[in-house]
Amino acid sequence: MNYDIIVLGSGPGGYVAAIRASQLGMKVAVVEKAELGGICLNWGCIPTKALLKSAQVFNYAKHAADYGVILNEEPKADLASMVKRSRDVANNMSKGIQFLFKKNNIDVIEGFGKLMPGKKIEVTNSASELTVYEAKHIVIATGARSKELPSLKQDGVKIIGYRQALTLNEQPKRMVVVGSGAIGSEFAYFYNSIGTQVTLIEFLPNIIPIEDEEVSKQLERSFKKAGIKVMTNSSVESVDIIDNICKVHVNTKKGLEEIEADIVLSAVGVETNITGIGLESCGIQFEGGKILVDEYYKTNIEGYYAIGDVVKGPALAHVASHEGIICVEKIAGHKPEPLDYRNIPSCTYTNPEVASVGYTEKAAIEAGYEIKVGKFPFSASGKATASGAKDGFVKVIFDAKYGEWLGAHLIGDNVTEMIAEVVLGRKLETTGKEVIDAVHPHPTMSEAIMEAVAAAFGEVIHL
């Protein structure tokens, strides 16, 4: 059967591209070898957030007395029940994608897809049967997988990746997490919250290293306060497994240190799924593990496109989804606006949460801007104080000359729900004065954005 578009991969890039293409009147099929929804929905964003919600509820229960609530017995964390809930959430979301595909008349082709010249895909199903499909356009959305370091080879039992971390059968007493990006920091927070002794190891000087330095330092303080051992400027040289115990050899500024753990979680990033999918046979160009595309995600070969983690840009679900929409709208003859990669929000769902967009203070200065910086601590927020969540702050950066909102960096309770205000403000080229004049509801956490902007312009009231 011939299609207008075949999408290879059903993650947040692939399934969104497929649905939008169907809405635009095209006949669409999606090739998927595993669960619909890809890694994000089944083994990343969604199940991770379900576990983190369980940790949050457990923490509320442990501190119930602080809110005037007396429990009859000490709350206990049941990892098996948390994992089951997380898997149920992921499975329900995957079924939701099935419903959306059926609603939009999208065919699902189960199996491993390999690109062929002439805008064709060869699909091998679970019975090893080969079928060739043809389309006018093929969109590559194969995503990424957990990256392995030579010194930290994953065995899936003692040295694990994020997939195993989501489904451990029993709670480890001690865990070493290697890598403090979003994945590593979120799992460090989760397992520490339920009582595991966690050591977080980061090669760079700061945890969550892509974030503003002040935010990184604040999260490190919060982690240490919660009992997480944080080791920066450190690297894992090797891991020996002796008597079922992981002996982790860590190179630090003070020399070699050995840490014992029951489990080592490798969270050092991801690598793209482009091996063995037929790029070479089609002549599609790639470099450094990324497929080369133009601003509308067209490769160097007519009729082939690529979106999401396999192309240059942040490896984030919301980025992949927008890329998919832009890609198929261009195919359909529309004139979509290219994605502005300078205005992509980043979120880390630890406690406190972290959210940011745009320039960090350091990057803005290095780019040659004269800047105005405003900062408002949640310790001065009525809503944060009433909620018992005073850790953190909002930091905003403006161009002093022309007033452009260069960036914002938030750390605190629920800030991942607040960052969209900044993204929209930057998209609409909002001025600082307009933010200050926009009435923010009281008492809310989001007031802190307005207060931080007011601080940048010397008009802050509550600080």
Protein backbone atom coordinates (compact mmCIF):
# COMPACT_ATOMS: atom_id res chain seq x y z
CA MET A 1 0.00 0.00 0.00
CA ASN A 2 1.28 3.48 -0.88
CA TYR A 3 1.13 6.40 1.55
CA ASP A 4 1.62 10.14 1.42
CA ILE A 5 3.78 9.96 4.55
CA ILE A 6 5.37 7.13 6.48
CA VAL A 7 6.81 8.05 9.86
CA LEU A 8 9.58 5.83 11.24
CA GLY A 9 9.10 5.92 15.01
CA SER A 10 6.11 6.79 17.23
CA GLY A 11 7.69 8.92 19.96
CA PRO A 12 6.60 12.50 20.70
CA GLY A 13 8.09 13.61 17.39
CA GLY A 14 6.75 10.77 15.29
CA TYR A 15 3.22 10.43 16.61
CA VAL A 16 2.61 14.20 16.60
CA ALA A 17 3.92 14.46 13.03
CA ALA A 18 1.65 11.60 11.98
CA ILE A 19 -1.47 13.09 13.55
CA ARG A 20 -0.81 16.55 12.11
CA ALA A 21 -0.21 15.05 8.65
CA SER A 22 -3.51 13.19 8.86
CA GLN A 23 -5.28 16.39 9.91
CA LEU A 24 -3.87 17.99 6.76
CA GLY A 25 -5.51 15.35 4.61
CA MET A 26 -2.62 12.97 4.00
CA LYS A 27 -2.68 9.18 4.13
CA VAL A 28 -0.28 8.25 6.93
CA ALA A 29 1.39 5.18 8.39
CA VAL A 30 3.71 4.84 11.38
CA VAL A 31 6.35 2.13 11.71
CA GLU A 32 7.07 1.14 15.31
CA LYS A 33 8.99 -1.86 16.66
CA ALA A 34 7.91 -1.43 20.31
CA GLU A 35 5.21 0.43 22.26
CA LEU A 36 3.39 3.36 20.70
CA GLY A 37 4.55 6.63 22.20
CA GLY A 38 8.25 5.80 22.11
CA ILE A 39 10.76 6.15 24.92
CA CYS A 40 9.31 9.39 26.33
CA LEU A 41 5.86 8.05 26.95
CA ASN A 42 6.79 4.48 27.91
CA TRP A 43 10.26 4.69 29.45
CA GLY A 44 11.05 8.36 29.99
CA CYS A 45 9.05 11.51 30.63
CA ILE A 46 5.71 10.04 31.71
CA PRO A 47 6.60 7.03 33.92
CA THR A 48 9.41 9.02 35.52
CA LYS A 49 7.00 11.78 36.49
CA ALA A 50 4.64 9.17 37.92
CA LEU A 51 7.42 7.90 40.20
CA LEU A 52 8.33 11.45 41.17
CA LYS A 53 4.70 12.12 42.11
CA SER A 54 4.79 9.08 44.38
CA ALA A 55 7.94 10.47 46.01
CA GLN A 56 6.24 13.82 46.51
CA VAL A 57 3.20 12.24 48.15
CA PHE A 58 5.48 10.15 50.39
CA ASN A 59 7.37 13.29 51.43
CA TYR A 60 4.09 15.06 52.22
CA ALA A 61 3.10 12.10 54.37
CA LYS A 62 6.43 12.12 56.22
CA HIS A 63 5.99 15.84 56.97
CA ALA A 64 2.23 15.74 57.56
CA ALA A 65 2.65 16.99 61.12
CA ASP A 66 4.19 20.20 59.76
CA TYR A 67 0.79 20.94 58.21
CA GLY A 68 -1.23 20.00 61.26
CA VAL A 69 -2.09 16.50 60.02
CA ILE A 70 -1.43 13.63 62.43
CA LEU A 71 -0.99 10.14 60.96
CA ASN A 72 -1.61 7.04 63.08
CA GLU A 73 1.55 5.33 61.87
CA GLU A 74 4.83 6.11 60.12
CA PRO A 75 4.38 6.17 56.32
CA LYS A 76 6.34 3.58 54.33
CA ALA A 77 7.54 3.67 50.74
CA ASP A 78 6.49 0.62 48.71
CA LEU A 79 8.70 0.69 45.60
CA ALA A 80 6.84 -2.19 43.94
CA SER A 81 3.53 -0.35 44.22
CA MET A 82 5.10 2.88 42.97
CA VAL A 83 6.57 1.06 39.97
CA LYS A 84 3.23 -0.61 39.23
CA ARG A 85 1.45 2.74 39.29
CA SER A 86 4.13 4.22 37.03
CA ARG A 87 3.78 1.37 34.52
CA ASP A 88 -0.02 1.66 34.59
CA VAL A 89 0.23 5.37 33.80
CA ALA A 90 2.59 4.69 30.89
CA ASN A 91 0.40 1.87 29.54
CA ASN A 92 -2.71 4.04 29.69
CA MET A 93 -0.92 6.82 27.81
CA SER A 94 0.24 4.35 25.16
CA LYS A 95 -3.36 3.22 24.72
CA GLY A 96 -4.22 6.90 24.29
CA ILE A 97 -1.88 7.05 21.29
CA GLN A 98 -3.62 3.98 19.84
CA PHE A 99 -6.94 5.81 20.19
CA LEU A 100 -5.59 8.95 18.53
CA PHE A 101 -4.17 6.94 15.63
CA LYS A 102 -7.48 5.16 15.12
CA LYS A 103 -9.38 8.46 15.36
CA ASN A 104 -7.11 9.99 12.71
CA ASN A 105 -7.09 6.92 10.42
CA ILE A 106 -3.36 6.33 10.82
CA ASP A 107 -2.07 2.85 9.99
CA VAL A 108 0.37 1.26 12.45
CA ILE A 109 2.98 -1.02 10.91
CA GLU A 110 4.59 -3.15 13.61
CA GLY A 111 8.23 -4.07 13.20
CA PHE A 112 11.73 -2.74 12.62
CA GLY A 113 11.87 -0.28 9.75
CA LYS A 114 14.86 0.16 7.45
CA LEU A 115 15.06 2.92 4.87
CA MET A 116 15.49 2.04 1.22
CA PRO A 117 16.20 4.20 -1.85
CA GLY A 118 13.18 5.38 -3.79
CA LYS A 119 11.21 6.49 -0.72
CA LYS A 120 10.60 2.98 0.54
CA ILE A 121 10.81 1.31 3.95
CA GLU A 122 11.47 -2.37 4.54
CA VAL A 123 9.76 -3.57 7.72
CA THR A 124 10.70 -6.78 9.53
CA ASN A 125 7.99 -7.97 11.91
CA SER A 126 8.28 -10.21 14.97
CA ALA A 127 7.94 -13.30 12.77
CA SER A 128 10.95 -12.14 10.69
CA GLU A 129 8.69 -11.47 7.71
CA LEU A 130 9.76 -8.64 5.38
CA THR A 131 7.35 -6.19 3.78
CA VAL A 132 8.22 -3.14 1.71
CA TYR A 133 6.12 0.03 1.96
CA GLU A 134 6.32 3.12 -0.22
CA ALA A 135 5.44 6.77 0.40
CA LYS A 136 5.80 10.17 -1.20
CA HIS A 137 7.57 11.35 1.96
CA ILE A 138 9.37 9.52 4.77
CA VAL A 139 9.95 11.13 8.19
CA ILE A 140 12.69 9.64 10.38
CA ALA A 141 11.86 9.93 14.09
CA THR A 142 13.79 7.06 15.66
CA GLY A 143 14.86 8.92 18.82
CA ALA A 144 17.68 7.97 21.14
CA ARG A 145 18.76 5.46 23.77
CA SER A 146 20.86 5.45 26.94
CA LYS A 147 24.52 6.22 26.30
CA GLU A 148 27.24 3.96 27.66
CA LEU A 149 30.68 4.98 28.85
CA PRO A 150 33.62 2.60 28.24
CA SER A 151 34.30 2.61 31.99
CA LEU A 152 30.64 2.04 32.84
CA LYS A 153 29.24 -0.77 30.70
CA GLN A 154 25.63 -1.54 31.61
CA ASP A 155 24.75 -5.13 32.50
CA GLY A 156 21.12 -4.29 33.31
CA VAL A 157 21.43 -5.79 36.80
CA LYS A 158 24.07 -4.00 38.88
CA ILE A 159 25.03 -1.28 36.41
CA ILE A 160 21.80 -0.03 34.92
CA GLY A 161 20.28 2.60 32.65
CA TYR A 162 17.09 4.61 33.05
CA ARG A 163 14.83 1.79 31.83
CA GLN A 164 15.93 -0.55 34.62
CA ALA A 165 15.79 2.31 37.13
CA LEU A 166 12.08 2.62 36.37
CA THR A 167 11.33 -1.02 37.16
CA LEU A 168 13.60 -2.22 39.96
CA ASN A 169 12.12 -5.16 41.84
CA GLU A 170 13.41 -4.02 45.20
CA GLN A 171 14.69 -0.78 46.65
CA PRO A 172 18.49 -0.57 46.85
CA LYS A 173 19.96 0.55 50.14
CA ARG A 174 22.79 2.40 48.38
CA MET A 175 22.88 3.80 44.86
CA VAL A 176 25.48 5.69 42.85
CA VAL A 177 24.08 7.89 40.07
CA VAL A 178 26.60 8.89 37.40
CA GLY A 179 25.62 12.04 35.54
CA SER A 180 23.60 14.93 36.96
CA GLY A 181 21.56 16.05 33.98
CA ALA A 182 17.78 15.87 34.15
CA ILE A 183 17.66 12.05 34.15
CA GLY A 184 20.36 11.56 36.76
CA SER A 185 19.13 14.31 39.06
CA GLU A 186 15.51 13.15 38.92
CA PHE A 187 16.40 9.57 39.79
CA ALA A 188 18.79 10.74 42.52
CA TYR A 189 15.94 12.75 44.03
CA PHE A 190 13.42 9.91 43.71
CA TYR A 191 15.50 7.17 45.30
CA ASN A 192 16.80 9.48 48.04
CA SER A 193 13.21 10.47 48.81
CA ILE A 194 12.15 6.89 49.48
CA GLY A 195 15.14 6.18 51.71
CA THR A 196 17.99 5.01 49.47
CA GLN A 197 21.45 6.38 50.28
CA VAL A 198 22.36 8.19 47.05
CA THR A 199 25.68 9.49 45.75
CA LEU A 200 25.47 11.73 42.68
CA ILE A 201 28.64 11.99 40.59
CA GLU A 202 29.18 14.74 38.00
CA PHE A 203 32.24 15.21 35.79
CA LEU A 204 31.71 18.98 35.43
CA PRO A 205 32.01 21.62 38.20
CA ASN A 206 28.23 21.94 38.70
CA ILE A 207 25.27 19.59 38.72
CA ILE A 208 22.60 20.15 36.04
CA PRO A 209 25.48 21.81 34.17
CA ILE A 210 23.47 23.39 31.35
CA GLU A 211 21.57 25.54 33.84
CA ASP A 212 22.50 28.95 35.24
CA GLU A 213 25.26 28.55 37.82
CA GLU A 214 23.19 30.06 40.65
CA VAL A 215 20.43 27.54 39.97
CA SER A 216 22.92 24.66 39.94
CA LYS A 217 24.38 25.76 43.28
CA GLN A 218 20.90 26.07 44.81
CA LEU A 219 19.91 22.56 43.71
CA GLU A 220 23.18 21.19 45.07
CA ARG A 221 22.43 22.80 48.45
CA SER A 222 18.91 21.36 48.41
CA PHE A 223 20.20 17.90 47.50
CA LYS A 224 22.80 17.95 50.26
CA LYS A 225 20.17 19.15 52.73
CA ALA A 226 18.05 16.13 51.73
CA GLY A 227 20.99 13.78 52.36
CA ILE A 228 22.28 13.21 48.83
CA LYS A 229 26.07 13.08 48.58
CA VAL A 230 27.09 15.27 45.64
CA MET A 231 30.50 14.83 44.00
CA THR A 232 31.36 17.33 41.25
CA ASN A 233 34.59 17.51 39.23
CA SER A 234 34.60 13.72 39.55
CA SER A 235 34.58 10.79 37.15
CA VAL A 236 34.07 7.04 37.43
CA GLU A 237 37.23 5.19 36.45
CA SER A 238 35.84 1.66 36.86
CA VAL A 239 33.35 -0.49 38.72
CA ASP A 240 34.18 -3.86 40.24
CA ILE A 241 31.37 -6.15 41.36
CA ILE A 242 32.50 -8.25 44.31
CA ASP A 243 30.11 -10.37 46.39
CA ASN A 244 27.16 -8.62 44.73
CA ILE A 245 28.46 -5.20 45.82
CA CYS A 246 29.51 -2.50 43.34
CA LYS A 247 32.92 -1.07 44.15
CA VAL A 248 32.87 2.27 42.32
CA HIS A 249 36.29 3.83 41.78
CA VAL A 250 35.91 7.61 41.47
CA ASN A 251 38.61 10.03 40.39
CA THR A 252 38.21 13.27 42.36
CA LYS A 253 40.26 16.42 42.82
CA LYS A 254 41.58 14.87 46.04
CA GLY A 255 42.52 11.58 44.38
CA LEU A 256 40.93 8.18 43.86
CA GLU A 257 38.00 7.28 46.11
CA GLU A 258 36.07 4.02 46.39
CA ILE A 259 32.32 4.03 47.00
CA GLU A 260 30.24 0.93 47.69
CA ALA A 261 26.73 0.62 46.28
CA ASP A 262 24.08 -1.97 45.54
CA ILE A 263 23.22 -0.37 42.19
CA VAL A 264 25.02 2.01 39.84
CA LEU A 265 22.79 4.07 37.55
CA SER A 266 24.47 5.39 34.42
CA ALA A 267 22.77 8.63 33.38
CA VAL A 268 25.47 10.19 31.22
CA GLY A 269 23.20 11.14 28.35
CA VAL A 270 21.74 9.54 25.25
CA GLU A 271 22.89 8.54 21.77
CA THR A 272 20.81 8.56 18.63
CA ASN A 273 19.14 5.54 17.05
CA ILE A 274 20.51 5.91 13.53
CA THR A 275 22.61 2.75 13.24
CA GLY A 276 21.21 0.09 10.92
CA ILE A 277 18.23 2.11 9.66
CA GLY A 278 19.52 2.46 6.11
CA LEU A 279 20.87 6.00 6.01
CA GLU A 280 23.95 4.96 4.07
CA SER A 281 22.07 2.99 1.43
CA CYS A 282 19.86 6.02 0.77
CA GLY A 283 22.78 8.47 0.75
CA ILE A 284 21.37 10.49 3.66
CA GLN A 285 24.06 12.63 5.25
CA PHE A 286 24.77 12.58 8.97
CA GLU A 287 27.52 13.90 11.20
CA GLY A 288 28.41 13.24 14.82
CA GLY A 289 25.45 10.92 15.26
CA LYS A 290 22.98 13.53 13.93
CA ILE A 291 21.16 13.55 10.59
CA LEU A 292 21.77 16.78 8.68
CA VAL A 293 18.59 18.69 7.80
CA ASP A 294 17.47 22.17 6.75
CA GLU A 295 15.21 24.44 8.80
CA TYR A 296 12.18 22.41 7.68
CA TYR A 297 13.87 19.06 8.51
CA LYS A 298 14.48 17.98 4.93
CA THR A 299 17.59 15.82 4.43
CA ASN A 300 19.91 16.04 1.44
CA ILE A 301 17.83 13.34 -0.31
CA GLU A 302 14.48 14.33 -1.79
CA GLY A 303 11.50 12.87 0.07
CA TYR A 304 13.38 12.02 3.30
CA TYR A 305 13.08 14.10 6.48
CA ALA A 306 14.29 13.76 10.08
CA ILE A 307 13.05 15.19 13.39
CA GLY A 308 13.62 14.87 17.12
CA ASP A 309 16.68 13.49 18.86
CA VAL A 310 18.29 12.35 15.58
CA VAL A 311 18.82 15.96 14.42
CA LYS A 312 20.80 18.81 15.97
CA GLY A 313 19.09 20.64 18.81
CA PRO A 314 17.93 19.86 22.36
CA ALA A 315 16.87 16.23 22.83
CA LEU A 316 13.51 17.14 24.37
CA ALA A 317 10.04 15.76 23.73
CA HIS A 318 8.42 19.14 23.20
CA VAL A 319 11.11 20.09 20.68
CA ALA A 320 10.53 16.88 18.70
CA SER A 321 6.77 17.50 18.64
CA HIS A 322 7.15 21.03 17.26
CA GLU A 323 9.69 19.86 14.71
CA GLY A 324 7.24 17.20 13.54
CA ILE A 325 4.45 19.73 13.08
CA ILE A 326 6.67 22.16 11.17
CA CYS A 327 8.01 19.35 8.98
CA VAL A 328 4.64 18.00 7.82
CA GLU A 329 3.06 21.43 7.46
CA LYS A 330 5.89 22.34 5.06
CA ILE A 331 5.34 19.07 3.19
CA ALA A 332 1.63 19.95 2.91
CA GLY A 333 2.48 23.26 1.25
CA HIS A 334 1.94 25.51 4.25
CA LYS A 335 4.40 28.20 5.33
CA PRO A 336 5.24 27.35 8.95
CA GLU A 337 7.65 29.55 10.88
CA PRO A 338 10.98 27.78 11.56
CA LEU A 339 11.51 26.80 15.17
CA ASP A 340 13.36 29.34 17.31
CA TYR A 341 15.83 27.19 19.22
CA ARG A 342 16.77 30.18 21.39
CA ASN A 343 13.36 30.00 23.07
CA ILE A 344 13.15 26.37 24.13
CA PRO A 345 12.20 25.74 27.78
CA SER A 346 14.10 23.16 29.81
CA CYS A 347 12.61 21.44 32.86
CA THR A 348 14.01 19.17 35.57
CA TYR A 349 11.45 17.60 37.92
CA THR A 350 13.46 17.32 41.10
CA ASN A 351 12.54 18.84 44.46
CA PRO A 352 12.88 21.76 44.09
CA GLU A 353 12.02 21.78 40.39
CA VAL A 354 14.18 23.59 37.84
CA ALA A 355 12.98 25.42 34.71
CA SER A 356 14.75 27.77 32.36
CA VAL A 357 14.70 29.38 28.93
CA GLY A 358 17.08 31.58 27.00
CA TYR A 359 20.48 32.93 28.00
CA THR A 360 22.13 32.20 31.32
CA GLU A 361 23.75 35.22 32.95
CA LYS A 362 27.21 33.98 31.96
CA ALA A 363 26.17 33.29 28.35
CA ALA A 364 24.53 36.70 27.99
CA ILE A 365 27.70 38.46 29.15
CA GLU A 366 29.84 36.29 26.86
CA ALA A 367 27.52 37.20 23.97
CA GLY A 368 28.35 40.85 24.55
CA TYR A 369 25.13 42.04 26.15
CA GLU A 370 24.97 44.70 28.82
CA ILE A 371 22.43 43.14 31.14
CA LYS A 372 19.94 43.85 33.88
CA VAL A 373 19.41 40.96 36.30
CA GLY A 374 16.45 40.64 38.66
CA LYS A 375 16.05 37.98 41.32
CA PHE A 376 13.22 37.19 43.70
CA PRO A 377 13.54 34.47 46.37
CA PHE A 378 10.59 32.24 47.22
CA SER A 379 11.36 32.89 50.89
CA ALA A 380 9.70 36.27 50.27
CA SER A 381 6.64 34.69 48.60
CA GLY A 382 3.46 34.38 50.61
CA LYS A 383 2.24 31.35 48.63
CA ALA A 384 5.60 29.58 48.93
CA THR A 385 5.70 30.24 52.67
CA ALA A 386 2.13 28.99 53.13
CA SER A 387 2.98 25.88 51.11
CA GLY A 388 6.14 25.15 53.06
CA ALA A 389 8.21 25.42 49.87
CA LYS A 390 10.51 28.40 50.39
CA ASP A 391 13.64 26.97 48.72
CA GLY A 392 14.60 28.59 45.44
CA PHE A 393 14.12 31.75 43.43
CA VAL A 394 13.27 33.31 40.08
CA LYS A 395 16.06 35.00 38.14
CA VAL A 396 15.46 37.05 35.00
CA ILE A 397 17.91 38.62 32.56
CA PHE A 398 17.20 41.59 30.29
CA ASP A 399 19.23 43.45 27.70
CA ALA A 400 19.90 46.83 29.33
CA LYS A 401 20.12 48.64 25.98
CA TYR A 402 16.98 47.50 24.13
CA GLY A 403 15.00 45.76 26.86
CA GLU A 404 14.92 42.29 25.27
CA TRP A 405 14.03 39.51 27.70
CA LEU A 406 17.15 37.40 27.31
CA GLY A 407 16.39 34.58 29.71
CA ALA A 408 14.85 33.32 32.93
CA HIS A 409 15.97 30.69 35.43
CA LEU A 410 13.64 29.28 38.05
CA ILE A 411 14.19 26.85 40.89
CA GLY A 412 11.42 26.06 43.33
CA ASP A 413 8.13 24.30 43.85
CA ASN A 414 6.08 23.83 40.66
CA VAL A 415 8.28 26.14 38.53
CA THR A 416 7.99 23.80 35.53
CA GLU A 417 4.39 25.00 35.29
CA MET A 418 5.51 28.65 35.44
CA ILE A 419 8.18 28.80 32.73
CA ALA A 420 5.62 28.98 29.90
CA GLU A 421 4.88 32.60 30.88
CA VAL A 422 8.46 33.49 30.06
CA VAL A 423 8.48 31.49 26.81
CA LEU A 424 5.32 33.25 25.64
CA GLY A 425 6.60 36.64 26.79
CA ARG A 426 9.82 36.21 24.85
CA LYS A 427 7.92 34.95 21.79
CA LEU A 428 5.74 38.08 21.84
CA GLU A 429 8.76 40.34 22.53
CA THR A 430 7.21 41.48 25.80
CA THR A 431 8.92 44.33 27.63
CA GLY A 432 9.78 44.32 31.31
CA LYS A 433 7.30 47.13 31.88
CA GLU A 434 4.50 45.04 30.36
CA VAL A 435 5.30 42.14 32.68
CA ILE A 436 5.28 44.43 35.71
CA ASP A 437 1.98 46.00 34.62
CA ALA A 438 0.30 42.64 33.94
CA VAL A 439 -1.72 41.81 37.07
CA HIS A 440 -0.52 38.53 38.55
CA PRO A 441 -2.91 36.77 40.96
CA HIS A 442 -2.09 36.78 44.66
CA PRO A 443 -1.04 34.65 46.38
CA THR A 444 0.67 32.51 43.73
CA MET A 445 4.14 31.20 43.00
CA SER A 446 3.95 32.88 39.58
CA GLU A 447 3.98 36.32 41.24
CA ALA A 448 7.70 35.72 41.69
CA ILE A 449 8.23 36.20 37.94
CA MET A 450 6.67 39.65 38.06
CA GLU A 451 8.61 40.49 41.22
CA ALA A 452 11.91 39.35 39.67
CA VAL A 453 11.25 41.49 36.59
CA ALA A 454 10.42 44.43 38.87
CA ALA A 455 13.71 43.83 40.70
CA ALA A 456 15.59 44.00 37.38
CA PHE A 457 14.09 47.46 36.76
CA GLY A 458 14.40 48.75 40.33
CA GLU A 459 10.68 48.54 41.12
CA VAL A 460 10.39 45.46 43.33
CA ILE A 461 7.88 45.88 46.19
CA HIS A 462 8.13 42.75 48.36
CA LEU A 463 11.88 42.52 48.75
